[in-house]
Amino acid sequence: MRGLKASFLILFLFFSSFSVFSQANTLSEQAQVSVITCGIGNEVYSLFGHTAIRINDPARSLDVVYNYGAFDFDTPNFVLKFSKGDLQYFVTAGTFADFREQYVYEKRSVSEQVLNVSQEQKQKLFDKLNSTLYSDERFYTYKFIDRNCTTMVVDILNKILGKNAIVKVGNTAVTYREVLYPYFSNHFYEQLGTSIIFGKKVDEKATKIFLPSELEESLNVVKYNGKLLSNQKDPILQIEPEHPFSWWNNVFTFLILLILLVVAKTRNLNLFYFLIVGAIGLFFSVAGLYSFHHELQYNYNILLFNPVLLLLIVFILRKKSKWIFRASVFAMACIALYVIYMLNKVHLLIVSPLIVVNLIILIRLALANKTQKISR
């Protein structure tokens, strides 16, 4: 971490001198402003790609990439701030050569769209980026949909253009959840995790540009002052993403574990399962109240990942047949409501094995304890 801090200090000193130089000189007529779109990778942080702004001025020996989306791991209470949703992200800048080299190393594609804007607008954007880089404006509070590397680029470009010229094109009738879902192909547990952790907000219609690929598609067709805002996409790196098969991160391991749970029919396994599922539901409850991430609020998946299952554990351990029966029936009723609500949701299929397993175990418990209740 100390090395990281030193690197940030060196970078800061370098760009401080660069900022003074850049503000004392204007861009030449050869300068180009472009939007950089980076392809997806196999790491969780790279599943959605990345957006950046490039300013290239050969006459000034200037080729800089501005990035929104950096954060400092040394931030006090980093984990708490990240989960709460008030972690401060910030803007960074670096040479295009270094930027390209990083994506060569990560084996991710990179493309560029040069913007057809006036010299005055190029200069205005350049000055704005540099002033932001060394002021409190460089910080912003990250939001998964509303404020990320792509939305920040859209916002600053629209300000320079003087109107909301860059808007989403294509299908705006689908939900944010439906837009996100395909990005998790070959990443089963990430797909499952995001399916259950996201609440009602991601089921809204996806009318806003929030992903790099969406911005890239919009720039292909958006017009400004009667002409296309950007030139045709220019590939900088053409690398096909690799999707190596994982022996554990796939639906088969998930189904095998659930089948073993059902077949085993042991009390301890059931209790452990209820503990995990109930704890996840309790987390959803707390996160919805605690976190500023709107995507985590109003999470109806709590009907499946029911905190009542934690109470059910207590009733089972204390052998309270009457309350085991009541809690089981209540949990099943919640699942019935959940299934009805989920009928038009894209993630119904991926959670369906959990629905089936929950029902099987709960029905067994309810029948066993109903019989005991009657016999008493």
Protein backbone atom coordinates (compact mmCIF):
# COMPACT_ATOMS: atom_id res chain seq x y z
CA MET A 1 0.00 0.00 0.00
CA ARG A 2 2.90 2.34 0.69
CA GLY A 3 4.16 1.71 -2.83
CA LEU A 4 0.70 2.55 -4.14
CA LYS A 5 0.70 5.83 -2.22
CA ALA A 6 4.13 6.67 -3.59
CA SER A 7 2.92 5.97 -7.11
CA PHE A 8 -0.06 8.26 -6.59
CA LEU A 9 2.27 10.98 -5.30
CA ILE A 10 4.58 10.69 -8.30
CA LEU A 11 1.61 10.69 -10.64
CA PHE A 12 0.16 13.73 -8.90
CA LEU A 13 3.42 15.70 -9.13
CA PHE A 14 3.81 14.77 -12.77
CA PHE A 15 0.35 15.87 -13.74
CA SER A 16 0.54 18.96 -11.58
CA SER A 17 3.37 20.16 -13.78
CA PHE A 18 1.46 18.91 -16.82
CA SER A 19 -1.63 20.83 -15.73
CA VAL A 20 0.31 24.08 -15.43
CA PHE A 21 1.76 23.54 -18.89
CA SER A 22 -1.55 22.57 -20.49
CA GLN A 23 -3.41 25.53 -19.08
CA ALA A 24 -0.71 27.88 -20.41
CA ASN A 25 -1.13 26.54 -23.96
CA THR A 26 -4.06 25.99 -26.23
CA LEU A 27 -4.80 22.92 -28.26
CA SER A 28 -3.75 23.05 -31.89
CA GLU A 29 -6.06 22.59 -34.87
CA GLN A 30 -4.76 19.02 -35.11
CA ALA A 31 -6.22 18.10 -31.72
CA GLN A 32 -8.82 15.37 -31.57
CA VAL A 33 -11.25 14.48 -28.80
CA SER A 34 -12.50 10.91 -28.69
CA VAL A 35 -14.42 8.48 -26.54
CA ILE A 36 -12.59 5.27 -25.72
CA THR A 37 -14.60 2.10 -25.16
CA CYS A 38 -12.87 -0.88 -23.59
CA GLY A 39 -14.18 -4.41 -23.94
CA ILE A 40 -15.18 -6.80 -21.22
CA GLY A 41 -12.79 -9.01 -19.30
CA ASN A 42 -13.10 -12.08 -17.08
CA GLU A 43 -12.58 -10.31 -13.76
CA VAL A 44 -15.67 -9.08 -11.90
CA TYR A 45 -14.60 -5.42 -12.17
CA SER A 46 -14.21 -5.74 -15.95
CA LEU A 47 -17.43 -7.59 -16.85
CA PHE A 48 -19.12 -4.45 -18.16
CA GLY A 49 -16.19 -2.79 -19.96
CA HIS A 50 -14.93 0.74 -19.42
CA THR A 51 -15.32 4.25 -20.87
CA ALA A 52 -12.69 7.01 -21.03
CA ILE A 53 -11.95 10.28 -22.84
CA ARG A 54 -8.85 10.74 -24.99
CA ILE A 55 -7.36 14.04 -26.10
CA ASN A 56 -4.70 13.65 -28.76
CA ASP A 57 -2.77 16.65 -30.10
CA PRO A 58 0.28 15.61 -32.14
CA ALA A 59 1.35 19.23 -32.61
CA ARG A 60 1.68 19.61 -28.82
CA SER A 61 3.08 16.08 -28.26
CA LEU A 62 0.03 15.48 -26.13
CA ASP A 63 -1.89 12.20 -25.88
CA VAL A 64 -3.80 11.84 -22.63
CA VAL A 65 -6.60 9.55 -21.42
CA TYR A 66 -8.93 10.72 -18.64
CA ASN A 67 -10.59 8.05 -16.51
CA TYR A 68 -13.56 8.29 -14.19
CA GLY A 69 -13.74 5.41 -11.74
CA ALA A 70 -10.57 5.22 -9.61
CA PHE A 71 -10.75 4.70 -5.85
CA ASP A 72 -8.24 4.38 -3.01
CA PHE A 73 -8.08 1.09 -1.07
CA ASP A 74 -6.43 3.02 1.78
CA THR A 75 -9.61 5.01 2.41
CA PRO A 76 -10.51 4.70 6.12
CA ASN A 77 -13.35 2.20 6.66
CA PHE A 78 -13.12 1.24 2.99
CA VAL A 79 -15.41 -1.81 3.19
CA LEU A 80 -18.09 0.01 5.18
CA LYS A 81 -18.02 3.01 2.85
CA PHE A 82 -18.18 0.79 -0.22
CA SER A 83 -21.14 -1.21 1.10
CA LYS A 84 -22.92 1.90 2.32
CA GLY A 85 -22.49 3.60 -1.03
CA ASP A 86 -20.63 6.75 -0.03
CA LEU A 87 -17.13 5.74 -1.13
CA GLN A 88 -15.56 8.56 -3.10
CA TYR A 89 -14.35 7.74 -6.60
CA PHE A 90 -12.16 10.17 -8.52
CA VAL A 91 -10.78 11.13 -11.92
CA THR A 92 -7.29 10.13 -13.05
CA ALA A 93 -5.26 10.82 -16.17
CA GLY A 94 -2.38 9.08 -17.91
CA THR A 95 -0.67 8.72 -21.24
CA PHE A 96 -2.48 6.87 -23.98
CA ALA A 97 0.54 4.59 -24.45
CA ASP A 98 0.31 3.39 -20.84
CA PHE A 99 -3.45 3.06 -21.11
CA ARG A 100 -3.16 0.89 -24.23
CA GLU A 101 -0.44 -1.24 -22.69
CA GLN A 102 -2.66 -2.00 -19.70
CA TYR A 103 -5.38 -3.38 -21.95
CA VAL A 104 -2.87 -5.38 -23.97
CA TYR A 105 -1.85 -6.97 -20.67
CA GLU A 106 -5.49 -7.62 -19.69
CA LYS A 107 -6.26 -8.97 -23.19
CA ARG A 108 -9.23 -6.67 -23.66
CA SER A 109 -10.32 -4.92 -26.84
CA VAL A 110 -10.22 -1.12 -27.17
CA SER A 111 -11.98 1.07 -29.73
CA GLU A 112 -12.15 4.81 -30.35
CA GLN A 113 -14.77 7.23 -31.66
CA VAL A 114 -13.48 10.68 -32.61
CA LEU A 115 -16.02 13.42 -31.84
CA ASN A 116 -16.97 16.00 -34.46
CA VAL A 117 -16.89 19.08 -32.25
CA SER A 118 -15.56 22.60 -32.73
CA GLN A 119 -12.11 23.77 -31.76
CA GLU A 120 -13.67 25.90 -29.05
CA GLN A 121 -15.46 22.87 -27.59
CA LYS A 122 -12.27 20.79 -27.69
CA GLN A 123 -10.45 23.47 -25.74
CA LYS A 124 -13.32 23.89 -23.32
CA LEU A 125 -13.40 20.15 -22.62
CA PHE A 126 -9.62 20.01 -22.23
CA ASP A 127 -9.63 22.88 -19.75
CA LYS A 128 -12.56 21.42 -17.86
CA LEU A 129 -10.94 18.00 -17.52
CA ASN A 130 -7.70 19.50 -16.26
CA SER A 131 -9.37 21.81 -13.78
CA THR A 132 -11.46 18.91 -12.52
CA LEU A 133 -8.39 16.73 -12.16
CA TYR A 134 -6.88 19.05 -9.56
CA SER A 135 -9.92 20.30 -7.67
CA ASP A 136 -12.54 18.82 -5.38
CA GLU A 137 -14.65 18.19 -8.49
CA ARG A 138 -12.48 15.18 -9.24
CA PHE A 139 -14.35 13.28 -6.51
CA TYR A 140 -17.81 11.83 -6.97
CA THR A 141 -19.99 9.30 -5.17
CA TYR A 142 -20.27 6.16 -7.27
CA LYS A 143 -23.69 4.75 -8.14
CA PHE A 144 -23.93 1.55 -10.16
CA ILE A 145 -26.51 2.88 -12.62
CA ASP A 146 -26.66 6.63 -12.08
CA ARG A 147 -22.98 7.62 -11.63
CA ASN A 148 -20.21 5.53 -13.10
CA CYS A 149 -17.38 5.87 -15.62
CA THR A 150 -19.84 5.97 -18.52
CA THR A 151 -22.49 8.31 -17.10
CA MET A 152 -19.80 10.76 -15.96
CA VAL A 153 -18.39 10.91 -19.50
CA VAL A 154 -21.87 11.44 -20.94
CA ASP A 155 -22.58 14.23 -18.45
CA ILE A 156 -19.38 16.19 -19.08
CA LEU A 157 -19.71 15.86 -22.87
CA ASN A 158 -23.32 17.05 -22.80
CA LYS A 159 -22.27 20.06 -20.73
CA ILE A 160 -19.63 20.94 -23.30
CA LEU A 161 -22.10 20.46 -26.14
CA GLY A 162 -24.59 22.74 -24.42
CA LYS A 163 -27.50 20.30 -24.54
CA ASN A 164 -28.35 16.65 -23.98
CA ALA A 165 -27.16 15.61 -27.40
CA ILE A 166 -25.96 12.20 -26.24
CA VAL A 167 -28.98 10.10 -25.36
CA LYS A 168 -29.67 6.40 -25.38
CA VAL A 169 -30.74 4.87 -28.66
CA GLY A 170 -32.13 1.43 -29.29
CA ASN A 171 -34.45 -0.59 -27.10
CA THR A 172 -35.46 1.42 -24.04
CA ALA A 173 -38.40 -0.86 -23.25
CA VAL A 174 -36.23 -3.46 -21.51
CA THR A 175 -35.20 -3.18 -17.86
CA TYR A 176 -31.74 -2.51 -16.45
CA ARG A 177 -31.78 -6.06 -15.13
CA GLU A 178 -32.39 -7.44 -18.62
CA VAL A 179 -29.57 -5.29 -20.01
CA LEU A 180 -27.13 -6.53 -17.37
CA TYR A 181 -28.06 -10.21 -17.38
CA PRO A 182 -26.15 -11.32 -20.54
CA TYR A 183 -22.92 -9.76 -19.29
CA PHE A 184 -22.58 -12.57 -16.76
CA SER A 185 -22.41 -15.38 -19.30
CA ASN A 186 -19.85 -17.98 -18.11
CA HIS A 187 -19.91 -16.37 -14.65
CA PHE A 188 -22.74 -18.28 -13.04
CA TYR A 189 -22.32 -17.33 -9.38
CA GLU A 190 -21.79 -13.66 -10.25
CA GLN A 191 -25.00 -13.84 -12.30
CA LEU A 192 -26.84 -15.49 -9.43
CA GLY A 193 -25.43 -13.06 -6.87
CA THR A 194 -26.36 -9.92 -8.78
CA SER A 195 -29.78 -11.38 -9.59
CA ILE A 196 -30.66 -11.70 -5.92
CA ILE A 197 -28.84 -8.70 -4.46
CA PHE A 198 -30.44 -6.13 -6.79
CA GLY A 199 -33.88 -4.88 -5.87
CA LYS A 200 -36.70 -3.05 -7.55
CA LYS A 201 -34.66 -0.23 -9.14
CA VAL A 202 -32.99 -2.47 -11.71
CA ASP A 203 -36.43 -3.54 -12.91
CA GLU A 204 -37.11 -0.01 -14.15
CA LYS A 205 -36.97 0.68 -17.88
CA ALA A 206 -33.38 1.20 -19.04
CA THR A 207 -33.81 4.66 -20.53
CA LYS A 208 -30.42 5.98 -19.42
CA ILE A 209 -26.98 5.24 -20.86
CA PHE A 210 -25.02 3.51 -18.11
CA LEU A 211 -22.84 0.93 -19.86
CA PRO A 212 -19.85 1.53 -22.18
CA SER A 213 -21.36 -0.48 -25.02
CA GLU A 214 -24.56 1.59 -24.86
CA LEU A 215 -22.59 4.82 -25.18
CA GLU A 216 -20.63 3.39 -28.09
CA GLU A 217 -23.84 2.39 -29.89
CA SER A 218 -25.45 5.77 -29.26
CA LEU A 219 -22.45 7.69 -30.57
CA ASN A 220 -22.73 5.75 -33.82
CA VAL A 221 -26.08 7.38 -34.62
CA VAL A 222 -26.49 10.53 -32.50
CA LYS A 223 -26.44 13.76 -34.49
CA TYR A 224 -25.27 17.17 -33.32
CA ASN A 225 -25.89 20.35 -35.32
CA GLY A 226 -27.15 18.30 -38.23
CA LYS A 227 -24.23 15.87 -38.51
CA LEU A 228 -23.07 12.70 -36.80
CA LEU A 229 -21.45 13.48 -33.48
CA SER A 230 -18.74 10.87 -33.89
CA ASN A 231 -16.77 9.23 -36.66
CA GLN A 232 -17.01 5.54 -37.35
CA LYS A 233 -15.62 3.32 -34.60
CA ASP A 234 -11.88 2.79 -34.98
CA PRO A 235 -10.49 -0.43 -33.44
CA ILE A 236 -7.32 0.19 -31.45
CA LEU A 237 -7.02 -3.32 -30.03
CA GLN A 238 -8.98 -6.23 -31.47
CA ILE A 239 -8.94 -9.03 -28.94
CA GLU A 240 -11.63 -11.66 -28.68
CA PRO A 241 -12.58 -12.15 -25.01
CA GLU A 242 -11.64 -15.53 -23.58
CA HIS A 243 -14.20 -17.46 -21.54
CA PRO A 244 -12.35 -20.41 -20.02
CA PHE A 245 -14.57 -23.09 -18.51
CA SER A 246 -14.59 -23.08 -14.73
CA TRP A 247 -14.96 -26.39 -12.92
CA TRP A 248 -16.71 -24.71 -10.00
CA ASN A 249 -18.27 -21.49 -11.31
CA ASN A 250 -21.09 -23.08 -13.27
CA VAL A 251 -24.70 -24.17 -12.90
CA PHE A 252 -23.75 -27.85 -12.56
CA THR A 253 -21.95 -27.46 -9.23
CA PHE A 254 -24.88 -25.39 -8.01
CA LEU A 255 -27.42 -28.06 -8.95
CA ILE A 256 -25.28 -30.88 -7.53
CA LEU A 257 -25.07 -29.14 -4.14
CA LEU A 258 -28.81 -28.56 -4.04
CA ILE A 259 -29.60 -32.14 -5.09
CA LEU A 260 -27.30 -33.51 -2.37
CA LEU A 261 -29.05 -31.28 0.15
CA VAL A 262 -32.47 -32.62 -0.80
CA VAL A 263 -31.41 -36.27 -1.03
CA ALA A 264 -29.45 -36.26 2.24
CA LYS A 265 -32.51 -35.30 4.34
CA THR A 266 -30.35 -34.57 7.40
CA ARG A 267 -31.40 -32.05 9.99
CA ASN A 268 -27.98 -30.43 10.34
CA LEU A 269 -27.71 -29.81 6.59
CA ASN A 270 -31.17 -28.28 6.58
CA LEU A 271 -30.27 -26.05 9.49
CA PHE A 272 -27.06 -24.96 7.77
CA TYR A 273 -28.97 -24.21 4.57
CA PHE A 274 -31.59 -22.18 6.45
CA LEU A 275 -28.80 -20.32 8.23
CA ILE A 276 -27.20 -19.25 4.93
CA VAL A 277 -30.47 -18.37 3.18
CA GLY A 278 -31.89 -16.55 6.22
CA ALA A 279 -28.65 -14.62 6.79
CA ILE A 280 -28.69 -13.47 3.16
CA GLY A 281 -32.26 -12.26 3.66
CA LEU A 282 -31.28 -10.45 6.84
CA PHE A 283 -28.46 -8.76 4.92
CA PHE A 284 -30.96 -7.64 2.28
CA SER A 285 -33.09 -6.12 5.03
CA VAL A 286 -30.19 -4.25 6.61
CA ALA A 287 -28.63 -3.20 3.31
CA GLY A 288 -31.92 -1.76 2.11
CA LEU A 289 -32.05 0.53 5.14
CA TYR A 290 -28.33 1.23 5.55
CA SER A 291 -26.94 1.53 2.03
CA PHE A 292 -27.13 4.55 -0.29
CA HIS A 293 -27.00 2.14 -3.25
CA HIS A 294 -30.51 2.49 -4.64
CA GLU A 295 -30.06 -0.81 -6.45
CA LEU A 296 -30.08 -2.64 -3.10
CA GLN A 297 -33.28 -1.08 -1.81
CA TYR A 298 -36.78 -2.63 -1.95
CA ASN A 299 -35.37 -6.08 -2.58
CA TYR A 300 -38.30 -8.43 -3.12
CA ASN A 301 -35.90 -11.41 -3.23
CA ILE A 302 -36.27 -11.34 0.54
CA LEU A 303 -39.48 -13.34 -0.01
CA LEU A 304 -37.26 -16.26 -1.04
CA PHE A 305 -34.27 -15.50 1.16
CA ASN A 306 -36.54 -15.13 4.16
CA PRO A 307 -35.13 -14.02 7.56
CA VAL A 308 -37.98 -16.02 9.13
CA LEU A 309 -35.85 -19.08 8.35
CA LEU A 310 -33.52 -17.96 11.14
CA LEU A 311 -36.46 -18.18 13.56
CA LEU A 312 -37.30 -21.56 12.10
CA ILE A 313 -33.84 -22.77 13.12
CA VAL A 314 -34.57 -21.76 16.72
CA PHE A 315 -37.93 -23.55 16.66
CA ILE A 316 -36.33 -26.71 15.27
CA LEU A 317 -33.60 -26.71 17.90
CA ARG A 318 -36.20 -26.23 20.65
CA LYS A 319 -38.52 -28.81 19.07
CA LYS A 320 -41.49 -26.42 18.96
CA SER A 321 -43.66 -28.38 16.54
CA LYS A 322 -46.48 -25.86 16.45
CA TRP A 323 -44.17 -22.96 15.59
CA ILE A 324 -42.15 -25.03 13.12
CA PHE A 325 -45.38 -25.74 11.27
CA ARG A 326 -46.50 -22.09 11.33
CA ALA A 327 -43.11 -20.72 10.27
CA SER A 328 -42.89 -23.27 7.45
CA VAL A 329 -46.34 -22.38 6.14
CA PHE A 330 -45.56 -18.66 6.36
CA ALA A 331 -42.28 -19.13 4.43
CA MET A 332 -44.11 -21.14 1.75
CA ALA A 333 -46.74 -18.41 1.42
CA CYS A 334 -43.95 -15.88 0.91
CA ILE A 335 -42.45 -18.09 -1.82
CA ALA A 336 -45.86 -18.29 -3.54
CA LEU A 337 -46.06 -14.48 -3.60
CA TYR A 338 -42.46 -14.36 -4.84
CA VAL A 339 -43.16 -16.70 -7.76
CA ILE A 340 -46.19 -14.66 -8.81
CA TYR A 341 -44.17 -11.43 -8.70
CA MET A 342 -41.28 -13.04 -10.59
CA LEU A 343 -43.29 -14.34 -13.55
CA ASN A 344 -42.08 -11.55 -15.85
CA LYS A 345 -38.56 -11.27 -14.42
CA VAL A 346 -35.51 -12.40 -16.34
CA HIS A 347 -33.87 -14.01 -13.30
CA LEU A 348 -36.75 -16.38 -12.48
CA LEU A 349 -34.97 -19.30 -14.16
CA ILE A 350 -31.71 -18.90 -12.26
CA VAL A 351 -33.42 -18.81 -8.85
CA SER A 352 -35.92 -21.57 -9.66
CA PRO A 353 -33.72 -24.36 -8.20
CA LEU A 354 -33.64 -22.46 -4.90
CA ILE A 355 -37.42 -22.06 -5.02
CA VAL A 356 -37.85 -25.82 -5.52
CA VAL A 357 -35.39 -26.78 -2.77
CA ASN A 358 -36.90 -24.34 -0.29
CA LEU A 359 -40.37 -25.71 -0.95
CA ILE A 360 -39.29 -29.36 -0.65
CA ILE A 361 -37.61 -28.81 2.72
CA LEU A 362 -40.41 -26.61 4.05
CA ILE A 363 -43.14 -29.04 2.95
CA ARG A 364 -41.30 -31.89 4.68
CA LEU A 365 -41.04 -29.87 7.87
CA ALA A 366 -44.65 -28.72 7.75
CA LEU A 367 -46.02 -32.24 7.19
CA ALA A 368 -43.83 -33.82 9.88
CA ASN A 369 -44.73 -31.24 12.49
CA LYS A 370 -48.39 -31.06 11.54
CA THR A 371 -48.61 -34.81 12.21
CA GLN A 372 -46.90 -34.40 15.57
CA LYS A 373 -49.20 -31.53 16.45
CA ILE A 374 -52.30 -33.62 15.69
CA SER A 375 -51.00 -36.62 17.62
CA ARG A 376 -50.50 -34.45 20.68
